[in-house]
Amino acid sequence: MIRFAKTLLSPAGVDVVVREGADSHTLRTAVAFSPESLGLSHEEFASLTWLELPSA
């Protein structure tokens, strides 16, 4: 997990980086069950946008 501060060009935010090939559904479920384990509040979890990379 990478937290970044607000800049002139972008808002503050959080990136969650996962290994290629990881099951994103399982990850989302684990994070939803206990966002605090990653230092996320429930509000931060609810605001996450999950991006899926195309399969190679």
C-alpha atoms as a PDB file:
ATOM      1  CA  MET A   1       0.000   0.000   0.000  1.00  0.00           C
ATOM      2  CA  ILE A   2       1.316   3.408  -0.971  1.00  0.00           C
ATOM      3  CA  ARG A   3      -0.125   6.613   0.461  1.00  0.00           C
ATOM      4  CA  PHE A   4       0.526   9.874  -1.301  1.00  0.00           C
ATOM      5  CA  ALA A   5      -0.126  13.475  -0.376  1.00  0.00           C
ATOM      6  CA  LYS A   6      -2.045  16.075  -2.323  1.00  0.00           C
ATOM      7  CA  THR A   7      -0.052  17.950  -4.958  1.00  0.00           C
ATOM      8  CA  LEU A   8      -0.957  20.761  -7.318  1.00  0.00           C
ATOM      9  CA  LEU A   9      -1.892  18.184  -9.956  1.00  0.00           C
ATOM     10  CA  SER A  10      -3.430  15.335  -7.976  1.00  0.00           C
ATOM     11  CA  PRO A  11      -5.454  14.702  -4.817  1.00  0.00           C
ATOM     12  CA  ALA A  12      -4.185  12.743  -1.840  1.00  0.00           C
ATOM     13  CA  GLY A  13      -4.791   9.047  -2.181  1.00  0.00           C
ATOM     14  CA  VAL A  14      -3.894   5.434  -1.627  1.00  0.00           C
ATOM     15  CA  ASP A  15      -2.602   2.868  -4.100  1.00  0.00           C
ATOM     16  CA  VAL A  16      -2.808  -0.813  -3.252  1.00  0.00           C
ATOM     17  CA  VAL A  17      -0.320  -2.749  -5.359  1.00  0.00           C
ATOM     18  CA  VAL A  18      -0.670  -6.495  -5.788  1.00  0.00           C
ATOM     19  CA  ARG A  19       1.387  -9.165  -7.441  1.00  0.00           C
ATOM     20  CA  GLU A  20       0.603 -10.007 -11.046  1.00  0.00           C
ATOM     21  CA  GLY A  21      -1.713 -12.978 -11.216  1.00  0.00           C
ATOM     22  CA  ALA A  22      -3.149 -12.395  -7.730  1.00  0.00           C
ATOM     23  CA  ASP A  23      -6.876 -13.059  -7.353  1.00  0.00           C
ATOM     24  CA  SER A  24      -8.330  -9.554  -7.031  1.00  0.00           C
ATOM     25  CA  HIS A  25     -11.685 -10.832  -5.731  1.00  0.00           C
ATOM     26  CA  THR A  26      -9.974 -12.629  -2.843  1.00  0.00           C
ATOM     27  CA  LEU A  27      -7.904  -9.526  -2.101  1.00  0.00           C
ATOM     28  CA  ARG A  28     -10.951  -7.255  -2.060  1.00  0.00           C
ATOM     29  CA  THR A  29     -12.740  -9.621   0.284  1.00  0.00           C
ATOM     30  CA  ALA A  30      -9.765  -9.764   2.667  1.00  0.00           C
ATOM     31  CA  VAL A  31      -9.362  -5.982   2.684  1.00  0.00           C
ATOM     32  CA  ALA A  32     -13.102  -5.438   3.139  1.00  0.00           C
ATOM     33  CA  PHE A  33     -13.122  -7.794   6.129  1.00  0.00           C
ATOM     34  CA  SER A  34     -10.289  -5.960   7.876  1.00  0.00           C
ATOM     35  CA  PRO A  35      -9.180  -2.696   6.221  1.00  0.00           C
ATOM     36  CA  GLU A  36      -7.488  -1.666   9.465  1.00  0.00           C
ATOM     37  CA  SER A  37      -4.915  -4.428   8.921  1.00  0.00           C
ATOM     38  CA  LEU A  38      -3.595  -2.325   6.032  1.00  0.00           C
ATOM     39  CA  GLY A  39      -3.992   0.973   7.841  1.00  0.00           C
ATOM     40  CA  LEU A  40      -7.199   1.877   5.994  1.00  0.00           C
ATOM     41  CA  SER A  41     -10.335   3.261   7.563  1.00  0.00           C
ATOM     42  CA  HIS A  42     -13.677   1.866   6.417  1.00  0.00           C
ATOM     43  CA  GLU A  43     -14.284   5.195   4.658  1.00  0.00           C
ATOM     44  CA  GLU A  44     -11.005   4.903   2.758  1.00  0.00           C
ATOM     45  CA  PHE A  45     -11.834   1.340   1.740  1.00  0.00           C
ATOM     46  CA  ALA A  46     -15.255   2.441   0.501  1.00  0.00           C
ATOM     47  CA  SER A  47     -13.632   5.140  -1.633  1.00  0.00           C
ATOM     48  CA  LEU A  48     -11.171   2.795  -3.381  1.00  0.00           C
ATOM     49  CA  THR A  49     -11.431   2.387  -7.138  1.00  0.00           C
ATOM     50  CA  TRP A  50     -10.304  -1.069  -8.223  1.00  0.00           C
ATOM     51  CA  LEU A  51      -8.526  -1.149 -11.562  1.00  0.00           C
ATOM     52  CA  GLU A  52      -8.166  -4.377 -13.483  1.00  0.00           C
ATOM     53  CA  LEU A  53      -5.251  -4.772 -15.879  1.00  0.00           C
ATOM     54  CA  PRO A  54      -5.979  -6.612 -19.102  1.00  0.00           C
ATOM     55  CA  SER A  55      -4.698 -10.174 -19.246  1.00  0.00           C
ATOM     56  CA  ALA A  56      -1.539 -10.545 -21.292  1.00  0.00           C
END
